[in-house]
Amino acid sequence: SFIIPYLLDALSEESDTSTRRFIISLVASVRSNAVDHIAKRLNENSWYITRNMLYLIRECRGTSCTPAVRVFLEHEVPLVRLEALRTLLSFQDPDAYAYVTKFLRSDVSQLQEGAGRLAGAYRIKHAVPHLKKLLREKDIRKRSNFKRVIVRALGRIGDSRAVNDLLNICNSTSGLRKDEFDKLQIEIFRTLHNYPVATIRPLIDYG
């Protein structure tokens, strides 16, 4: 473990992406022996170093760092906030779920999209009403890719409350270009397998 500080120094200074990944994999492989060293680097001046440290805390299962990680939920850089949120969700920290909702309500598109992906990845059922609301918003037509993110998240969660909203999209003249609308419908049908079978019959009939 004595070499870990030197590896972290090298990680901070390295500009090559593949080399950074290699160093990260080395540090992550020693797990608990690295956590204290990583935690000391959380407040580095460069946001991307902080983001790497949050990732390493997660990979090393550094649950003892949970209070320190929570601080970064309010960081000025959205990618750091999302990395902190992912780490807390992986630790099943109760505070993390409220931040999924908070980020979904944010005016920052990067936070919204990241929270949408995390809601799906961790199958957060209490996020379903907020995802449904975003799916229904008209101004979101300008962000068709985000609609697909929401559909994928709802599909991962598989909550039957979303089925009517998906059917409404299929039956709507959504204002999307035809190619975008086709992609959205395909995404809906691609993600149906996690929903209760009895609830998706109207969508199957439509299809």
Protein backbone atom coordinates (compact mmCIF):
# COMPACT_ATOMS: atom_id res chain seq x y z
CA SER A 1 0.00 0.00 0.00
CA PHE A 2 2.98 2.36 0.36
CA ILE A 3 2.95 2.98 -3.40
CA ILE A 4 -0.66 4.30 -3.49
CA PRO A 5 0.21 7.98 -2.83
CA TYR A 6 2.66 7.86 -5.73
CA LEU A 7 0.05 6.32 -8.00
CA LEU A 8 -2.39 9.08 -7.02
CA ASP A 9 0.28 11.70 -7.77
CA ALA A 10 0.79 10.13 -11.18
CA LEU A 11 -2.96 10.09 -11.79
CA SER A 12 -3.20 13.80 -11.02
CA GLU A 13 -0.40 14.64 -13.43
CA GLU A 14 -1.19 12.22 -16.27
CA SER A 15 -2.78 13.63 -19.43
CA ASP A 16 -3.17 10.41 -21.42
CA THR A 17 -6.63 8.88 -20.97
CA SER A 18 -5.58 5.24 -21.33
CA THR A 19 -2.77 5.68 -18.81
CA ARG A 20 -5.17 7.33 -16.34
CA ARG A 21 -7.52 4.37 -16.69
CA PHE A 22 -4.63 1.99 -16.04
CA ILE A 23 -3.61 3.87 -12.88
CA ILE A 24 -7.22 3.97 -11.68
CA SER A 25 -7.51 0.21 -12.18
CA LEU A 26 -4.33 -0.33 -10.13
CA VAL A 27 -5.58 1.81 -7.24
CA ALA A 28 -9.05 0.24 -7.33
CA SER A 29 -7.55 -3.24 -7.16
CA VAL A 30 -6.18 -2.70 -3.63
CA ARG A 31 -9.57 -1.47 -2.37
CA SER A 32 -9.64 -0.80 1.38
CA ASN A 33 -5.90 -0.11 1.59
CA ALA A 34 -6.37 2.85 -0.75
CA VAL A 35 -9.44 4.55 0.76
CA ASP A 36 -7.72 6.79 3.31
CA HIS A 37 -5.22 8.01 0.72
CA ILE A 38 -8.01 8.73 -1.79
CA ALA A 39 -10.13 10.62 0.76
CA LYS A 40 -7.25 13.04 1.39
CA ARG A 41 -7.34 14.02 -2.29
CA LEU A 42 -11.03 14.84 -2.51
CA ASN A 43 -10.47 18.59 -2.16
CA GLU A 44 -7.98 18.95 -4.98
CA ASN A 45 -8.24 22.17 -6.99
CA SER A 46 -9.04 20.40 -10.26
CA TRP A 47 -12.63 19.17 -10.52
CA TYR A 48 -11.69 16.22 -12.70
CA ILE A 49 -9.28 14.95 -10.03
CA THR A 50 -12.08 15.20 -7.47
CA ARG A 51 -14.34 13.29 -9.84
CA ASN A 52 -11.71 10.55 -10.19
CA MET A 53 -11.37 10.32 -6.40
CA LEU A 54 -15.14 9.94 -6.00
CA TYR A 55 -15.08 7.17 -8.58
CA LEU A 56 -12.23 5.44 -6.74
CA ILE A 57 -14.02 5.69 -3.40
CA ARG A 58 -16.96 3.91 -5.00
CA GLU A 59 -14.80 1.24 -6.62
CA CYS A 60 -12.92 0.67 -3.36
CA ARG A 61 -16.19 0.44 -1.39
CA GLY A 62 -15.11 3.29 0.86
CA THR A 63 -18.38 3.61 2.76
CA SER A 64 -16.52 5.23 5.64
CA CYS A 65 -16.13 8.27 3.35
CA THR A 66 -19.90 8.73 2.94
CA PRO A 67 -20.09 12.02 4.93
CA ALA A 68 -17.23 13.49 2.86
CA VAL A 69 -18.87 12.38 -0.39
CA ARG A 70 -22.18 14.04 0.53
CA VAL A 71 -20.48 17.45 0.49
CA PHE A 72 -19.91 17.10 -3.26
CA LEU A 73 -23.62 16.83 -4.00
CA GLU A 74 -23.54 20.64 -4.00
CA HIS A 75 -20.34 21.05 -6.05
CA GLU A 76 -20.37 23.74 -8.75
CA VAL A 77 -19.48 21.24 -11.52
CA PRO A 78 -22.45 19.01 -12.51
CA LEU A 79 -20.25 16.02 -13.37
CA VAL A 80 -18.77 16.04 -9.87
CA ARG A 81 -22.24 16.24 -8.32
CA LEU A 82 -23.38 13.28 -10.41
CA GLU A 83 -20.29 11.24 -9.50
CA ALA A 84 -20.98 11.90 -5.82
CA LEU A 85 -24.61 10.89 -6.30
CA ARG A 86 -23.68 7.67 -8.08
CA THR A 87 -21.27 6.82 -5.29
CA LEU A 88 -23.87 7.41 -2.58
CA LEU A 89 -26.47 5.39 -4.48
CA SER A 90 -24.01 2.51 -4.74
CA PHE A 91 -23.61 2.72 -0.94
CA GLN A 92 -27.43 2.76 -0.58
CA ASP A 93 -27.19 6.03 1.33
CA PRO A 94 -30.71 7.28 2.21
CA ASP A 95 -29.82 10.91 1.44
CA ALA A 96 -29.02 10.05 -2.17
CA TYR A 97 -32.61 9.36 -3.25
CA ALA A 98 -33.78 12.88 -2.46
CA TYR A 99 -30.98 14.22 -4.65
CA VAL A 100 -32.12 12.11 -7.59
CA THR A 101 -35.43 14.00 -7.38
CA LYS A 102 -33.67 17.33 -6.86
CA PHE A 103 -31.49 16.83 -9.95
CA LEU A 104 -34.47 15.73 -12.05
CA ARG A 105 -36.11 19.05 -11.15
CA SER A 106 -32.97 21.04 -11.92
CA ASP A 107 -32.74 23.60 -14.71
CA VAL A 108 -29.31 22.18 -15.60
CA SER A 109 -29.82 19.68 -18.42
CA GLN A 110 -26.67 17.75 -17.53
CA LEU A 111 -27.98 17.13 -14.02
CA GLN A 112 -31.42 16.15 -15.33
CA GLU A 113 -30.04 13.65 -17.81
CA GLY A 114 -27.55 12.21 -15.34
CA ALA A 115 -30.22 11.80 -12.68
CA GLY A 116 -32.50 10.14 -15.24
CA ARG A 117 -29.82 7.58 -16.06
CA LEU A 118 -29.09 6.94 -12.39
CA ALA A 119 -32.80 6.55 -11.59
CA GLY A 120 -32.92 3.78 -14.18
CA ALA A 121 -29.59 2.19 -13.25
CA TYR A 122 -30.59 1.90 -9.60
CA ARG A 123 -34.29 1.26 -10.33
CA ILE A 124 -35.51 4.09 -8.10
CA LYS A 125 -39.29 3.75 -7.99
CA HIS A 126 -39.94 7.01 -6.14
CA ALA A 127 -38.44 8.83 -9.16
CA VAL A 128 -41.20 7.52 -11.45
CA PRO A 129 -43.65 10.44 -10.96
CA HIS A 130 -40.89 12.93 -11.75
CA LEU A 131 -39.78 10.97 -14.82
CA LYS A 132 -43.39 10.82 -16.01
CA LYS A 133 -43.73 14.57 -15.58
CA LEU A 134 -40.59 15.19 -17.64
CA LEU A 135 -41.87 12.84 -20.31
CA ARG A 136 -45.08 14.90 -20.61
CA GLU A 137 -43.44 18.32 -20.76
CA LYS A 138 -43.93 19.95 -24.13
CA ASP A 139 -40.71 21.95 -24.23
CA ILE A 140 -38.78 18.72 -23.90
CA ARG A 141 -39.52 18.11 -27.57
CA LYS A 142 -36.38 20.09 -28.26
CA ARG A 143 -34.47 17.37 -26.37
CA SER A 144 -35.60 14.17 -28.01
CA ASN A 145 -32.50 12.33 -26.80
CA PHE A 146 -33.49 13.13 -23.23
CA LYS A 147 -36.93 11.64 -23.84
CA ARG A 148 -35.24 8.40 -24.81
CA VAL A 149 -33.15 8.57 -21.63
CA ILE A 150 -36.38 8.85 -19.62
CA VAL A 151 -38.03 5.99 -21.50
CA ARG A 152 -34.98 3.79 -20.84
CA ALA A 153 -35.00 4.74 -17.15
CA LEU A 154 -38.70 3.94 -16.81
CA GLY A 155 -38.11 0.66 -18.63
CA ARG A 156 -35.36 -0.32 -16.20
CA ILE A 157 -37.64 0.46 -13.26
CA GLY A 158 -40.62 -1.31 -14.84
CA ASP A 159 -43.32 0.52 -12.87
CA SER A 160 -46.77 0.05 -14.38
CA ARG A 161 -47.65 3.70 -13.63
CA ALA A 162 -45.65 4.69 -16.70
CA VAL A 163 -47.51 2.55 -19.23
CA ASN A 164 -50.32 5.03 -19.99
CA ASP A 165 -47.79 7.80 -20.59
CA LEU A 166 -45.91 5.59 -23.03
CA LEU A 167 -49.14 4.74 -24.85
CA ASN A 168 -50.04 8.44 -25.02
CA ILE A 169 -46.72 9.14 -26.70
CA CYS A 170 -47.36 6.44 -29.28
CA ASN A 171 -50.84 7.83 -30.00
CA SER A 172 -49.77 11.47 -30.06
CA THR A 173 -48.71 13.86 -32.76
CA SER A 174 -45.79 14.80 -30.58
CA GLY A 175 -44.24 17.57 -32.64
CA LEU A 176 -41.06 15.58 -33.04
CA ARG A 177 -39.60 15.00 -36.47
CA LYS A 178 -40.66 11.64 -37.89
CA ASP A 179 -37.21 10.10 -37.50
CA GLU A 180 -37.03 11.23 -33.84
CA PHE A 181 -40.55 9.99 -33.17
CA ASP A 182 -39.72 6.61 -34.73
CA LYS A 183 -36.62 6.29 -32.53
CA LEU A 184 -38.68 7.14 -29.46
CA GLN A 185 -41.32 4.52 -30.27
CA ILE A 186 -38.62 1.90 -30.90
CA GLU A 187 -37.09 2.75 -27.50
CA ILE A 188 -40.48 2.28 -25.85
CA PHE A 189 -40.92 -1.20 -27.29
CA ARG A 190 -37.32 -2.12 -26.62
CA THR A 191 -37.83 -1.48 -22.89
CA LEU A 192 -41.19 -3.17 -22.27
CA HIS A 193 -39.85 -6.46 -20.90
CA ASN A 194 -39.46 -5.21 -17.32
CA TYR A 195 -43.08 -4.11 -16.97
CA PRO A 196 -45.76 -6.42 -15.52
CA VAL A 197 -47.07 -8.38 -18.52
CA ALA A 198 -50.73 -7.66 -17.76
CA THR A 199 -50.18 -3.89 -17.92
CA ILE A 200 -48.53 -3.63 -21.34
CA ARG A 201 -51.32 -5.24 -23.40
CA PRO A 202 -52.51 -1.88 -24.82
CA LEU A 203 -48.98 -1.16 -26.03
CA ILE A 204 -48.67 -4.62 -27.56
CA ASP A 205 -51.98 -4.07 -29.37
CA TYR A 206 -50.73 -0.72 -30.62
CA GLY A 207 -47.49 -2.29 -31.79
